[in-house]
Amino acid sequence: MEMQADKQIRLLLVDDEEDFRQTLVKRLNKRGITASQAASGEAGLALLAERPMDVVVLDVKMPGISGLEVLRRIKQMALPTEVILLTGHAATQDGVEGIKAGAFDYLSKPIEFEHLLGKIRQAHDRIVTIREKQLEAECRMRLGQQMIATERLAALGTLAAGVAHEINNPLAIINEAAGYMRLLLNKQAAGLPHREGFQKALDKIESSVKRARTITHQLLGSVRKNESVLAEVDLAELAGETLQLLAGQARDKNLKLELETTTHPKGFWIEPNQVRQVLINLVSNAIHATPAGGRVWIRLAGTDGGGVTMEVGDTGTGIPKENLEKIFEPFFSTKTPGQGTGLGLYVSRQIVEKLGGTIEVRSCLGQGSQFILQLPNQVEPT
């Protein structure tokens, strides 16, 4: 068991004495530990910058950068690495200083191999323990976020049930009154004072009513349990229709819309209206995020299991890393006020998951984003 565990240790030996290094490396190899080597502090730091190490065995007295200085730089870099210092008998104070600076331990030369091997294993065990605690903390954080999201969704469902009655009815009255006012305004002579101002005010009222209705419909759509209405769908045709619906928005920004298909399953049974809603949400967002002269596409490809992969991509501004975990949350939006409800991606994920699929996002700032949908064929081919 020890031999197997030792093989997992990523070890770096930094010492300017080549004979000492080679002898020690051979003995470590016999115990299953593959050690990297560096003949100076500078070389050791360069190697650490290239690849991570669990344990560094570091000589204190070396030409150039001393071992203590290398230790300090490792700590400044916040590397997940434990350092074991090697000192001469006359320099044990250096070892004490090293412990104060964050070294795991120090040993005096000439070293006893079994003693060093034991310290290496202890240092590695400590690294493993720290990583496990970090993973546990991350899991707890994710679980907490999931619980918060669950509670938020439950509250959202309760809210949505009352929204339709409490908001849609007043909206209808406001819209009807605005329509009546516009009718009267149109009948007035062209010289009516402040006519243009009245028209702009009515435009704002009607626009705000439409926006409020959009929010309530999206809220209700996210929690409503509709009966499944399956239909045999040509996915390429469905995607093409989506791009045609949004072609006007794309033209206004001088964007190129593209449909790319490789292989997609024939006789694909799905709920077309819901898939269309998801595609409209994603393509509309892509158009909004892409500067003039850019490109937005839908790419289709069949999967081995008879399902389909649908990718909606763009050459837009991309999504900051800190927002990637939040974009599917209800009411989260990076658009300017009045430009978005913060519900489009949330509703899209709800629909995809109800269809038995998955949705994920990949993004790079300044280069664009891709939303990848994996959808199963809801009727097994015969």
Protein backbone atom coordinates (compact mmCIF):
# COMPACT_ATOMS: atom_id res chain seq x y z
CA MET A 1 0.00 0.00 0.00
CA GLU A 2 2.84 2.40 0.85
CA MET A 3 4.52 1.74 -2.51
CA GLN A 4 1.25 2.56 -4.32
CA ALA A 5 0.75 5.74 -2.27
CA ASP A 6 4.37 6.79 -2.84
CA LYS A 7 3.86 6.68 -6.63
CA GLN A 8 1.34 9.52 -6.26
CA ILE A 9 3.87 11.85 -4.63
CA ARG A 10 5.06 14.66 -6.91
CA LEU A 11 8.50 15.42 -5.52
CA LEU A 12 11.12 18.03 -6.41
CA LEU A 13 14.70 17.75 -5.11
CA VAL A 14 16.67 21.03 -5.20
CA ASP A 15 20.36 20.69 -4.34
CA ASP A 16 23.54 21.93 -5.99
CA GLU A 17 25.47 18.71 -5.18
CA GLU A 18 24.88 16.46 -8.20
CA ASP A 19 26.24 13.25 -6.61
CA PHE A 20 23.95 13.71 -3.64
CA ARG A 21 20.95 14.33 -5.91
CA GLN A 22 21.59 11.34 -8.16
CA THR A 23 22.11 8.96 -5.22
CA LEU A 24 18.98 10.16 -3.48
CA VAL A 25 16.89 9.99 -6.67
CA LYS A 26 17.94 6.36 -7.28
CA ARG A 27 16.91 5.36 -3.78
CA LEU A 28 13.59 7.21 -4.12
CA ASN A 29 12.95 5.49 -7.45
CA LYS A 30 13.34 2.10 -5.77
CA ARG A 31 10.54 3.13 -3.39
CA GLY A 32 8.29 4.11 -6.29
CA ILE A 33 8.82 7.88 -6.05
CA THR A 34 9.75 9.62 -9.29
CA ALA A 35 11.58 12.80 -8.29
CA SER A 36 12.25 15.84 -10.45
CA GLN A 37 15.60 17.58 -9.96
CA ALA A 38 16.96 21.12 -9.94
CA ALA A 39 20.57 22.18 -9.33
CA SER A 40 19.76 25.68 -8.09
CA GLY A 41 17.06 27.71 -6.45
CA GLU A 42 16.39 29.56 -9.70
CA ALA A 43 15.94 26.29 -11.61
CA GLY A 44 13.68 24.93 -8.89
CA LEU A 45 11.39 27.98 -8.98
CA ALA A 46 11.24 27.81 -12.78
CA LEU A 47 10.22 24.15 -12.62
CA LEU A 48 7.56 24.90 -9.98
CA ALA A 49 6.13 27.57 -12.27
CA GLU A 50 5.72 24.95 -15.01
CA ARG A 51 4.14 22.12 -13.06
CA PRO A 52 2.81 21.60 -9.53
CA MET A 53 4.71 19.64 -6.86
CA ASP A 54 3.43 18.17 -3.61
CA VAL A 55 6.74 18.16 -1.74
CA VAL A 56 9.99 20.05 -2.28
CA VAL A 57 13.18 18.80 -0.61
CA LEU A 58 15.33 21.90 -0.57
CA ASP A 59 18.98 22.47 0.39
CA VAL A 60 19.49 25.67 2.38
CA LYS A 61 23.06 26.48 1.29
CA MET A 62 23.27 26.89 -2.48
CA PRO A 63 24.99 29.34 -4.84
CA GLY A 64 22.72 32.11 -6.02
CA ILE A 65 19.32 32.10 -4.34
CA SER A 66 19.45 30.45 -0.93
CA GLY A 67 17.04 27.75 0.12
CA LEU A 68 15.37 30.11 2.60
CA GLU A 69 14.75 32.65 -0.16
CA VAL A 70 13.28 29.90 -2.38
CA LEU A 71 11.01 28.91 0.51
CA ARG A 72 9.81 32.50 0.94
CA ARG A 73 9.02 32.77 -2.79
CA ILE A 74 7.10 29.49 -2.73
CA LYS A 75 4.99 30.85 0.13
CA GLN A 76 4.50 34.15 -1.70
CA MET A 77 3.27 32.22 -4.74
CA ALA A 78 0.77 30.44 -2.45
CA LEU A 79 1.66 27.11 -4.01
CA PRO A 80 0.01 24.00 -2.50
CA THR A 81 3.43 22.59 -1.69
CA GLU A 82 5.18 21.45 1.48
CA VAL A 83 8.90 22.18 1.85
CA ILE A 84 11.46 20.06 3.71
CA LEU A 85 14.75 21.87 4.29
CA LEU A 86 18.17 20.22 4.34
CA THR A 87 20.81 21.97 6.47
CA GLY A 88 24.36 21.32 7.62
CA HIS A 89 25.04 20.43 11.26
CA ALA A 90 26.48 23.87 11.81
CA ALA A 91 23.47 25.63 10.30
CA THR A 92 20.53 24.31 12.31
CA GLN A 93 19.49 27.90 12.97
CA ASP A 94 18.65 28.10 9.26
CA GLY A 95 16.30 25.17 9.76
CA VAL A 96 14.60 26.95 12.65
CA GLU A 97 14.24 30.08 10.53
CA GLY A 98 12.78 27.89 7.80
CA ILE A 99 10.13 26.49 10.16
CA LYS A 100 9.18 30.06 11.09
CA ALA A 101 8.90 30.88 7.38
CA GLY A 102 6.51 27.99 6.76
CA ALA A 103 8.66 24.92 6.07
CA PHE A 104 7.14 21.56 6.96
CA ASP A 105 10.34 20.42 8.70
CA TYR A 106 14.15 20.43 8.40
CA LEU A 107 16.77 17.68 8.47
CA SER A 108 20.51 17.93 9.00
CA LYS A 109 23.02 16.47 6.56
CA PRO A 110 24.13 13.77 6.28
CA ILE A 111 20.56 12.59 6.25
CA GLU A 112 19.19 9.16 7.08
CA PHE A 113 17.22 8.03 4.03
CA GLU A 114 14.39 6.32 5.94
CA HIS A 115 13.98 9.41 8.11
CA LEU A 116 13.72 11.62 5.01
CA LEU A 117 11.30 9.19 3.35
CA GLY A 118 9.10 9.33 6.43
CA LYS A 119 9.08 13.13 6.37
CA ILE A 120 8.22 13.14 2.67
CA ARG A 121 5.26 10.83 3.32
CA GLN A 122 4.09 12.97 6.24
CA ALA A 123 4.33 16.13 4.15
CA HIS A 124 2.39 14.48 1.32
CA ASP A 125 -0.28 13.29 3.76
CA ARG A 126 -0.66 16.86 4.96
CA ILE A 127 -1.08 18.12 1.41
CA VAL A 128 -3.71 15.44 0.73
CA THR A 129 -5.56 16.38 3.93
CA ILE A 130 -5.56 20.07 2.98
CA ARG A 131 -6.91 19.26 -0.49
CA GLU A 132 -9.63 17.05 0.97
CA LYS A 133 -10.68 19.86 3.31
CA GLN A 134 -10.75 22.29 0.39
CA LEU A 135 -12.89 19.90 -1.66
CA GLU A 136 -15.19 19.41 1.32
CA ALA A 137 -15.51 23.17 1.74
CA GLU A 138 -16.27 23.58 -1.96
CA CYS A 139 -18.88 20.81 -1.80
CA ARG A 140 -20.50 22.45 1.21
CA MET A 141 -20.54 25.79 -0.60
CA ARG A 142 -22.13 24.23 -3.70
CA LEU A 143 -24.66 22.38 -1.55
CA GLY A 144 -25.50 25.62 0.22
CA GLN A 145 -25.95 27.36 -3.12
CA GLN A 146 -28.20 24.53 -4.31
CA MET A 147 -30.30 24.79 -1.15
CA ILE A 148 -30.62 28.54 -1.60
CA ALA A 149 -31.58 28.01 -5.24
CA THR A 150 -34.16 25.39 -4.26
CA GLU A 151 -35.72 27.72 -1.70
CA ARG A 152 -35.66 30.54 -4.24
CA LEU A 153 -37.41 28.37 -6.83
CA ALA A 154 -40.06 27.31 -4.34
CA ALA A 155 -40.70 30.96 -3.54
CA LEU A 156 -40.72 31.73 -7.24
CA GLY A 157 -43.42 29.13 -7.85
CA THR A 158 -45.61 30.61 -5.12
CA LEU A 159 -45.01 34.10 -6.46
CA ALA A 160 -45.77 33.11 -10.04
CA ALA A 161 -49.14 31.64 -9.10
CA GLY A 162 -50.27 35.00 -7.74
CA VAL A 163 -48.59 37.16 -10.36
CA ALA A 164 -50.96 36.21 -13.17
CA HIS A 165 -54.02 37.45 -11.30
CA GLU A 166 -52.51 40.32 -9.32
CA ILE A 167 -50.52 41.90 -12.16
CA ASN A 168 -52.00 40.80 -15.48
CA ASN A 169 -55.46 42.18 -14.67
CA PRO A 170 -54.19 45.71 -13.86
CA LEU A 171 -51.94 45.49 -16.93
CA ALA A 172 -54.97 44.81 -19.10
CA ILE A 173 -56.77 47.86 -17.69
CA ILE A 174 -53.70 50.07 -18.21
CA ASN A 175 -53.28 48.80 -21.78
CA GLU A 176 -56.95 49.36 -22.56
CA ALA A 177 -56.81 52.90 -21.17
CA ALA A 178 -53.68 53.65 -23.17
CA GLY A 179 -55.37 52.36 -26.31
CA TYR A 180 -58.39 54.59 -25.68
CA MET A 181 -56.13 57.60 -25.14
CA ARG A 182 -54.28 56.89 -28.38
CA LEU A 183 -57.60 56.61 -30.24
CA LEU A 184 -58.66 60.03 -28.95
CA LEU A 185 -55.26 61.50 -29.74
CA ASN A 186 -55.40 60.26 -33.34
CA LYS A 187 -58.76 61.96 -33.80
CA GLN A 188 -57.42 65.36 -32.70
CA ALA A 189 -56.14 67.90 -35.15
CA ALA A 190 -52.45 67.91 -35.99
CA GLY A 191 -52.02 71.26 -34.16
CA LEU A 192 -52.91 69.85 -30.72
CA PRO A 193 -50.44 71.28 -28.16
CA HIS A 194 -47.88 68.79 -26.85
CA ARG A 195 -49.19 66.13 -29.25
CA GLU A 196 -45.72 64.64 -29.78
CA GLY A 197 -45.11 64.48 -26.03
CA PHE A 198 -48.40 62.66 -25.49
CA GLN A 199 -47.51 60.13 -28.18
CA LYS A 200 -44.13 59.43 -26.58
CA ALA A 201 -45.77 59.01 -23.17
CA LEU A 202 -48.25 56.50 -24.60
CA ASP A 203 -45.41 54.64 -26.33
CA LYS A 204 -43.65 54.30 -22.97
CA ILE A 205 -46.83 53.06 -21.27
CA GLU A 206 -47.48 50.42 -23.94
CA SER A 207 -43.81 49.35 -24.00
CA SER A 208 -43.78 48.96 -20.21
CA VAL A 209 -47.00 46.92 -20.31
CA LYS A 210 -45.44 44.55 -22.87
CA ARG A 211 -42.32 44.21 -20.73
CA ALA A 212 -44.35 43.46 -17.59
CA ARG A 213 -46.36 40.85 -19.50
CA THR A 214 -43.16 39.24 -20.76
CA ILE A 215 -41.90 38.91 -17.19
CA THR A 216 -45.12 37.35 -15.91
CA HIS A 217 -45.33 34.94 -18.85
CA GLN A 218 -41.74 33.82 -18.33
CA LEU A 219 -42.35 33.36 -14.61
CA LEU A 220 -45.45 31.28 -15.23
CA GLY A 221 -43.75 29.33 -18.00
CA SER A 222 -40.94 28.35 -15.64
CA VAL A 223 -43.24 26.73 -13.07
CA ARG A 224 -46.26 25.65 -15.11
CA LYS A 225 -46.60 21.92 -15.60
CA ASN A 226 -47.69 21.52 -19.19
CA GLU A 227 -48.71 18.25 -20.70
CA SER A 228 -46.11 16.90 -23.06
CA VAL A 229 -47.06 17.26 -26.71
CA LEU A 230 -44.55 15.27 -28.72
CA ALA A 231 -44.15 15.71 -32.45
CA GLU A 232 -41.77 14.39 -35.07
CA VAL A 233 -39.45 17.30 -35.77
CA ASP A 234 -36.89 18.18 -38.42
CA LEU A 235 -34.39 19.89 -36.13
CA ALA A 236 -32.54 21.61 -38.97
CA GLU A 237 -35.81 23.11 -40.16
CA LEU A 238 -36.71 24.17 -36.60
CA ALA A 239 -33.32 25.85 -36.15
CA GLY A 240 -33.63 27.56 -39.52
CA GLU A 241 -37.06 28.94 -38.57
CA THR A 242 -35.55 30.35 -35.37
CA LEU A 243 -32.84 32.16 -37.29
CA GLN A 244 -35.43 33.55 -39.72
CA LEU A 245 -37.51 34.90 -36.82
CA LEU A 246 -34.49 36.79 -35.47
CA ALA A 247 -33.02 37.80 -38.84
CA GLY A 248 -34.30 41.36 -38.42
CA GLN A 249 -32.42 41.83 -35.14
CA ALA A 250 -29.27 40.47 -36.77
CA ARG A 251 -29.58 42.80 -39.77
CA ASP A 252 -29.91 45.81 -37.49
CA LYS A 253 -26.48 44.95 -36.04
CA ASN A 254 -24.92 43.74 -39.30
CA LEU A 255 -24.47 40.22 -37.91
CA LYS A 256 -24.17 37.01 -39.88
CA LEU A 257 -26.51 34.16 -38.86
CA GLU A 258 -25.40 30.65 -39.78
CA LEU A 259 -26.87 27.15 -39.51
CA GLU A 260 -24.34 24.31 -39.49
CA THR A 261 -25.42 20.67 -39.61
CA THR A 262 -23.31 17.53 -39.69
CA THR A 263 -25.49 14.59 -38.80
CA HIS A 264 -28.71 14.93 -36.87
CA PRO A 265 -31.18 12.14 -36.12
CA LYS A 266 -34.10 11.59 -38.45
CA GLY A 267 -37.53 11.04 -36.94
CA PHE A 268 -36.60 13.04 -33.84
CA TRP A 269 -39.49 13.21 -31.38
CA ILE A 270 -39.51 16.21 -29.06
CA GLU A 271 -41.71 19.12 -27.93
CA PRO A 272 -41.04 21.58 -30.77
CA ASN A 273 -42.51 24.71 -29.15
CA GLN A 274 -40.33 24.33 -26.08
CA VAL A 275 -37.18 23.68 -28.10
CA ARG A 276 -38.02 26.70 -30.26
CA GLN A 277 -38.40 28.85 -27.14
CA VAL A 278 -34.96 27.78 -25.88
CA LEU A 279 -33.32 28.49 -29.24
CA ILE A 280 -34.98 31.90 -29.48
CA ASN A 281 -33.75 32.81 -25.99
CA LEU A 282 -30.19 31.69 -26.74
CA VAL A 283 -29.92 33.22 -30.21
CA SER A 284 -31.48 36.48 -29.04
CA ASN A 285 -28.93 36.69 -26.20
CA ALA A 286 -26.11 35.92 -28.64
CA ILE A 287 -27.23 38.71 -30.97
CA HIS A 288 -27.36 41.13 -28.05
CA ALA A 289 -23.83 40.14 -26.90
CA THR A 290 -22.19 40.31 -30.34
CA PRO A 291 -20.77 43.57 -31.73
CA ALA A 292 -21.55 44.69 -35.27
CA GLY A 293 -19.91 42.60 -37.97
CA GLY A 294 -19.83 39.46 -35.81
CA ARG A 295 -21.28 36.01 -36.27
CA VAL A 296 -23.98 33.93 -34.51
CA TRP A 297 -24.60 30.29 -35.34
CA ILE A 298 -26.60 27.18 -34.50
CA ARG A 299 -24.72 23.92 -34.97
CA LEU A 300 -26.45 20.50 -34.99
CA ALA A 301 -24.87 17.09 -34.58
CA GLY A 302 -26.29 13.68 -33.76
CA THR A 303 -25.07 11.62 -30.81
CA ASP A 304 -24.32 7.92 -30.63
CA GLY A 305 -27.37 7.32 -28.45
CA GLY A 306 -29.80 8.75 -30.99
CA GLY A 307 -29.96 12.16 -29.32
CA VAL A 308 -28.74 15.48 -30.61
CA THR A 309 -26.23 18.16 -29.68
CA MET A 310 -27.33 21.72 -30.42
CA GLU A 311 -24.77 24.50 -30.04
CA VAL A 312 -25.67 28.19 -30.09
CA GLY A 313 -22.47 30.20 -30.42
CA ASP A 314 -21.32 33.73 -31.08
CA THR A 315 -18.23 35.87 -31.56
CA GLY A 316 -19.37 38.31 -28.92
CA THR A 317 -17.94 39.85 -25.78
CA GLY A 318 -17.95 36.63 -23.75
CA ILE A 319 -19.01 36.04 -20.15
CA PRO A 320 -16.75 36.87 -17.18
CA LYS A 321 -15.65 33.79 -15.26
CA GLU A 322 -17.30 35.03 -12.06
CA ASN A 323 -20.68 35.15 -13.84
CA LEU A 324 -20.62 31.67 -15.41
CA GLU A 325 -22.03 30.11 -12.22
CA LYS A 326 -24.79 32.72 -11.99
CA ILE A 327 -26.19 33.14 -15.49
CA PHE A 328 -28.82 30.41 -15.07
CA GLU A 329 -30.14 31.88 -11.81
CA PRO A 330 -33.53 33.63 -11.93
CA PHE A 331 -33.37 37.43 -12.29
CA PHE A 332 -29.60 37.48 -12.92
CA SER A 333 -28.80 39.72 -15.88
CA THR A 334 -25.84 41.75 -17.11
CA LYS A 335 -27.98 43.75 -19.52
CA THR A 336 -28.77 47.38 -18.82
CA PRO A 337 -32.06 48.03 -16.95
CA GLY A 338 -35.02 47.65 -19.28
CA GLN A 339 -33.10 45.44 -21.71
CA GLY A 340 -33.61 42.06 -20.04
CA THR A 341 -35.68 40.27 -17.41
CA GLY A 342 -32.98 37.92 -16.12
CA LEU A 343 -35.30 34.97 -16.76
CA GLY A 344 -34.43 33.84 -20.30
CA LEU A 345 -31.55 31.50 -19.41
CA TYR A 346 -33.26 30.33 -16.24
CA VAL A 347 -36.38 29.35 -18.17
CA SER A 348 -34.26 27.76 -20.90
CA ARG A 349 -32.49 25.49 -18.44
CA GLN A 350 -35.80 24.52 -16.84
CA ILE A 351 -37.18 23.53 -20.25
CA VAL A 352 -34.09 21.56 -21.26
CA GLU A 353 -34.03 19.63 -17.98
CA LYS A 354 -37.77 18.85 -18.28
CA LEU A 355 -36.99 17.41 -21.72
CA GLY A 356 -34.39 15.14 -20.11
CA GLY A 357 -31.43 17.06 -21.51
CA THR A 358 -28.55 19.19 -20.27
CA ILE A 359 -27.25 22.65 -21.05
CA GLU A 360 -23.78 24.01 -20.40
CA VAL A 361 -21.86 27.13 -21.33
CA ARG A 362 -18.31 27.78 -22.48
CA SER A 363 -17.01 31.29 -22.82
CA CYS A 364 -13.85 33.32 -23.29
CA LEU A 365 -13.79 37.07 -22.77
CA GLY A 366 -13.44 38.93 -26.02
CA GLN A 367 -13.90 35.80 -28.12
CA GLY A 368 -17.50 34.72 -27.58
CA SER A 369 -19.66 32.08 -25.93
CA GLN A 370 -21.16 28.70 -26.78
CA PHE A 371 -24.25 27.17 -25.17
CA ILE A 372 -24.31 23.41 -25.72
CA LEU A 373 -27.60 21.51 -25.43
CA GLN A 374 -27.76 17.73 -25.23
CA LEU A 375 -31.28 16.49 -25.95
CA PRO A 376 -32.53 12.89 -26.03
CA ASN A 377 -34.94 11.49 -28.59
CA GLN A 378 -38.10 11.08 -26.51
CA VAL A 379 -39.39 8.22 -28.65
CA GLU A 380 -37.08 5.23 -29.07
CA PRO A 381 -36.51 4.42 -32.77
CA THR A 382 -37.96 1.08 -33.86
